[in-house]
PDB file of N, CA and C in Angstrom:
ATOM      1  N   VAL A   1     125.638-126.739  92.215  1.00  0.00           N
ATOM      2  CA  VAL A   1     124.436-126.309  91.884  1.00  0.00           C
ATOM      3  C   VAL A   1     124.686-124.866  91.903  1.00  0.00           C
ATOM      4  N   ASN A   2     124.524-124.027  91.144  1.00  0.00           N
ATOM      5  CA  ASN A   2     124.770-122.481  90.855  1.00  0.00           C
ATOM      6  C   ASN A   2     123.653-122.124  90.462  1.00  0.00           C
ATOM      7  N   GLU A   3     122.585-121.622  91.620  1.00  0.00           N
ATOM      8  CA  GLU A   3     121.225-121.274  90.638  1.00  0.00           C
ATOM      9  C   GLU A   3     120.654-120.479  91.910  1.00  0.00           C
ATOM     10  N   GLN A   4     119.935-119.794  91.620  1.00  0.00           N
ATOM     11  CA  GLN A   4     119.148-118.413  92.953  1.00  0.00           C
ATOM     12  C   GLN A   4     117.687-119.719  93.060  1.00  0.00           C
ATOM     13  N   LYS A   5     117.664-119.843  94.595  1.00  0.00           N
ATOM     14  CA  LYS A   5     116.485-120.541  94.624  1.00  0.00           C
ATOM     15  C   LYS A   5     115.619-119.542  95.950  1.00  0.00           C
ATOM     16  N   ALA A   6     114.207-119.804  96.035  1.00  0.00           N
ATOM     17  CA  ALA A   6     113.676-119.221  96.712  1.00  0.00           C
ATOM     18  C   ALA A   6     113.836-119.316  98.390  1.00  0.00           C
ATOM     19  N   ALA A   7     113.545-118.640  98.892  1.00  0.00           N
ATOM     20  CA  ALA A   7     113.791-118.692 100.600  1.00  0.00           C
ATOM     21  C   ALA A   7     112.745-120.225 100.976  1.00  0.00           C
ATOM     22  N   GLY A   8     113.765-121.035 101.943  1.00  0.00           N
ATOM     23  CA  GLY A   8     113.166-122.172 102.369  1.00  0.00           C
ATOM     24  C   GLY A   8     114.114-123.163 102.223  1.00  0.00           C
ATOM     25  N   SER A   9     113.211-124.465 102.407  1.00  0.00           N
ATOM     26  CA  SER A   9     114.641-125.701 102.974  1.00  0.00           C
ATOM     27  C   SER A   9     114.551-126.116 100.996  1.00  0.00           C
ATOM     28  N   HIS A  10     115.944-126.652 100.862  1.00  0.00           N
ATOM     29  CA  HIS A  10     115.953-127.376  99.630  1.00  0.00           C
ATOM     30  C   HIS A  10     117.100-128.726  99.789  1.00  0.00           C
ATOM     31  N   THR A  11     116.628-129.513  99.043  1.00  0.00           N
ATOM     32  CA  THR A  11     117.484-130.916  98.949  1.00  0.00           C
ATOM     33  C   THR A  11     118.687-130.677  97.958  1.00  0.00           C
ATOM     34  N   VAL A  12     119.621-131.107  97.808  1.00  0.00           N
ATOM     35  CA  VAL A  12     120.592-131.507  96.377  1.00  0.00           C
ATOM     36  C   VAL A  12     121.266-132.820  96.246  1.00  0.00           C
ATOM     37  N   SER A  13     120.832-133.540  95.563  1.00  0.00           N
ATOM     38  CA  SER A  13     121.745-134.693  95.479  1.00  0.00           C
ATOM     39  C   SER A  13     122.715-134.783  94.068  1.00  0.00           C
ATOM     40  N   PHE A  14     123.409-135.628  94.198  1.00  0.00           N
ATOM     41  CA  PHE A  14     124.351-135.753  93.347  1.00  0.00           C
ATOM     42  C   PHE A  14     124.965-137.085  93.129  1.00  0.00           C
ATOM     43  N   ASP A  15     125.152-137.575  92.002  1.00  0.00           N
ATOM     44  CA  ASP A  15     125.957-138.916  91.479  1.00  0.00           C
ATOM     45  C   ASP A  15     127.677-139.017  92.211  1.00  0.00           C
ATOM     46  N   ALA A  16     127.211-139.861  93.005  1.00  0.00           N
ATOM     47  CA  ALA A  16     128.936-140.192  93.967  1.00  0.00           C
ATOM     48  C   ALA A  16     129.723-141.899  93.356  1.00  0.00           C
ATOM     49  N   SER A  17     128.875-141.936  92.379  1.00  0.00           N
ATOM     50  CA  SER A  17     129.133-143.577  91.565  1.00  0.00           C
ATOM     51  C   SER A  17     130.818-143.311  91.344  1.00  0.00           C
ATOM     52  N   ALA A  18     131.247-141.915  90.868  1.00  0.00           N
ATOM     53  CA  ALA A  18     132.902-142.538  90.340  1.00  0.00           C
ATOM     54  C   ALA A  18     133.443-141.855  91.272  1.00  0.00           C
ATOM     55  N   LEU A  19     133.258-141.458  92.425  1.00  0.00           N
ATOM     56  CA  LEU A  19     133.995-141.058  93.615  1.00  0.00           C
ATOM     57  C   LEU A  19     134.376-142.501  94.563  1.00  0.00           C
ATOM     58  N   SER A  20     135.538-142.130  94.993  1.00  0.00           N
ATOM     59  CA  SER A  20     135.941-143.672  95.935  1.00  0.00           C
ATOM     60  C   SER A  20     135.534-143.019  97.350  1.00  0.00           C
ATOM     61  N   SER A  21     135.427-143.793  98.252  1.00  0.00           N
ATOM     62  CA  SER A  21     135.387-143.617  99.473  1.00  0.00           C
ATOM     63  C   SER A  21     136.250-142.318 100.474  1.00  0.00           C
ATOM     64  N   GLY A  22     135.708-141.904 101.108  1.00  0.00           N
ATOM     65  CA  GLY A  22     136.659-140.592 101.197  1.00  0.00           C
ATOM     66  C   GLY A  22     135.872-139.267 102.260  1.00  0.00           C
ATOM     67  N   ILE A  23     136.797-138.467 102.511  1.00  0.00           N
ATOM     68  CA  ILE A  23     136.260-137.384 103.302  1.00  0.00           C
ATOM     69  C   ILE A  23     136.315-136.195 102.349  1.00  0.00           C
ATOM     70  N   TYR A  24     134.804-135.862 101.542  1.00  0.00           N
ATOM     71  CA  TYR A  24     135.124-134.506 100.493  1.00  0.00           C
ATOM     72  C   TYR A  24     134.838-133.179 101.536  1.00  0.00           C
ATOM     73  N   ILE A  25     134.793-132.091 100.834  1.00  0.00           N
ATOM     74  CA  ILE A  25     134.459-131.156 101.411  1.00  0.00           C
ATOM     75  C   ILE A  25     133.281-130.193 100.500  1.00  0.00           C
ATOM     76  N   TYR A  26     132.300-129.728 101.045  1.00  0.00           N
ATOM     77  CA  TYR A  26     131.380-128.899 100.500  1.00  0.00           C
ATOM     78  C   TYR A  26     131.220-127.681 101.367  1.00  0.00           C
ATOM     79  N   ARG A  27     130.894-126.621  99.872  1.00  0.00           N
ATOM     80  CA  ARG A  27     130.496-125.105 100.588  1.00  0.00           C
ATOM     81  C   ARG A  27     129.044-124.837 100.245  1.00  0.00           C
ATOM     82  N   ILE A  28     128.720-124.188 101.391  1.00  0.00           N
ATOM     83  CA  ILE A  28     127.461-123.407 100.610  1.00  0.00           C
ATOM     84  C   ILE A  28     127.576-122.030 100.760  1.00  0.00           C
ATOM     85  N   HIS A  29     127.325-121.205  99.993  1.00  0.00           N
ATOM     86  CA  HIS A  29     127.176-119.733  99.955  1.00  0.00           C
ATOM     87  C   HIS A  29     125.763-119.027  99.732  1.00  0.00           C
ATOM     88  N   SER A  30     125.494-117.997 100.395  1.00  0.00           N
ATOM     89  CA  SER A  30     124.191-117.675 100.054  1.00  0.00           C
ATOM     90  C   SER A  30     124.496-116.198 100.500  1.00  0.00           C
ATOM     91  N   ALA A  31     123.782-115.299 100.466  1.00  0.00           N
ATOM     92  CA  ALA A  31     123.753-113.751 100.958  1.00  0.00           C
ATOM     93  C   ALA A  31     123.987-113.631 102.434  1.00  0.00           C
ATOM     94  N   GLY A  32     124.904-113.258 102.571  1.00  0.00           N
ATOM     95  CA  GLY A  32     125.194-113.220 103.894  1.00  0.00           C
ATOM     96  C   GLY A  32     125.763-114.162 104.836  1.00  0.00           C
ATOM     97  N   PHE A  33     125.848-115.702 104.393  1.00  0.00           N
ATOM     98  CA  PHE A  33     125.769-116.837 104.667  1.00  0.00           C
ATOM     99  C   PHE A  33     126.493-117.767 104.010  1.00  0.00           C
ATOM    100  N   ASN A  34     128.318-117.890 104.466  1.00  0.00           N
ATOM    101  CA  ASN A  34     129.208-119.422 104.213  1.00  0.00           C
ATOM    102  C   ASN A  34     129.451-120.215 105.107  1.00  0.00           C
ATOM    103  N   GLN A  35     129.874-121.274 104.503  1.00  0.00           N
ATOM    104  CA  GLN A  35     129.252-122.127 105.068  1.00  0.00           C
ATOM    105  C   GLN A  35     130.307-123.309 104.643  1.00  0.00           C
ATOM    106  N   THR A  36     131.282-124.183 105.488  1.00  0.00           N
ATOM    107  CA  THR A  36     132.142-125.232 104.885  1.00  0.00           C
ATOM    108  C   THR A  36     131.960-125.913 105.892  1.00  0.00           C
ATOM    109  N   ARG A  37     131.791-127.428 105.066  1.00  0.00           N
ATOM    110  CA  ARG A  37     131.261-128.531 105.873  1.00  0.00           C
ATOM    111  C   ARG A  37     132.099-129.824 105.290  1.00  0.00           C
ATOM    112  N   LYS A  38     132.329-130.716 105.834  1.00  0.00           N
ATOM    113  CA  LYS A  38     133.229-131.851 105.541  1.00  0.00           C
ATOM    114  C   LYS A  38     131.477-133.347 105.176  1.00  0.00           C
ATOM    115  N   MET A  39     132.164-134.229 104.491  1.00  0.00           N
ATOM    116  CA  MET A  39     130.777-135.156 104.167  1.00  0.00           C
ATOM    117  C   MET A  39     131.911-136.412 103.949  1.00  0.00           C
ATOM    118  N   LEU A  40     131.370-137.371 104.734  1.00  0.00           N
ATOM    119  CA  LEU A  40     132.153-138.897 104.702  1.00  0.00           C
ATOM    120  C   LEU A  40     130.923-139.696 103.771  1.00  0.00           C
ATOM    121  N   LEU A  41     131.761-139.852 102.544  1.00  0.00           N
ATOM    122  CA  LEU A  41     131.586-140.809 101.757  1.00  0.00           C
ATOM    123  C   LEU A  41     131.773-142.580 102.076  1.00  0.00           C
ATOM    124  N   ILE A  42     130.974-143.430 102.074  1.00  0.00           N
ATOM    125  CA  ILE A  42     131.610-144.626 102.641  1.00  0.00           C
ATOM    126  C   ILE A  42     130.924-146.152 101.356  1.00  0.00           C
ATOM    127  N   LYS A  43     131.447-146.467 100.691  1.00  0.00           N
ATOM    128  CA  LYS A  43     130.838-147.157  99.703  1.00  0.00           C
ATOM    129  C   LYS A  43     130.956-148.869 100.142  1.00  0.00           C
TER     130      LYS A  43
END
């Protein structure tokens, strides 16, 4: 998602049907905030 959002809580959905099971890295960037986390995908 590469768009501006109003302040508050947000949810992002994505289609993982083409991905294999494994560990994936995702990043969240915002004004003054950067976070990198791991996501475990189990099929």
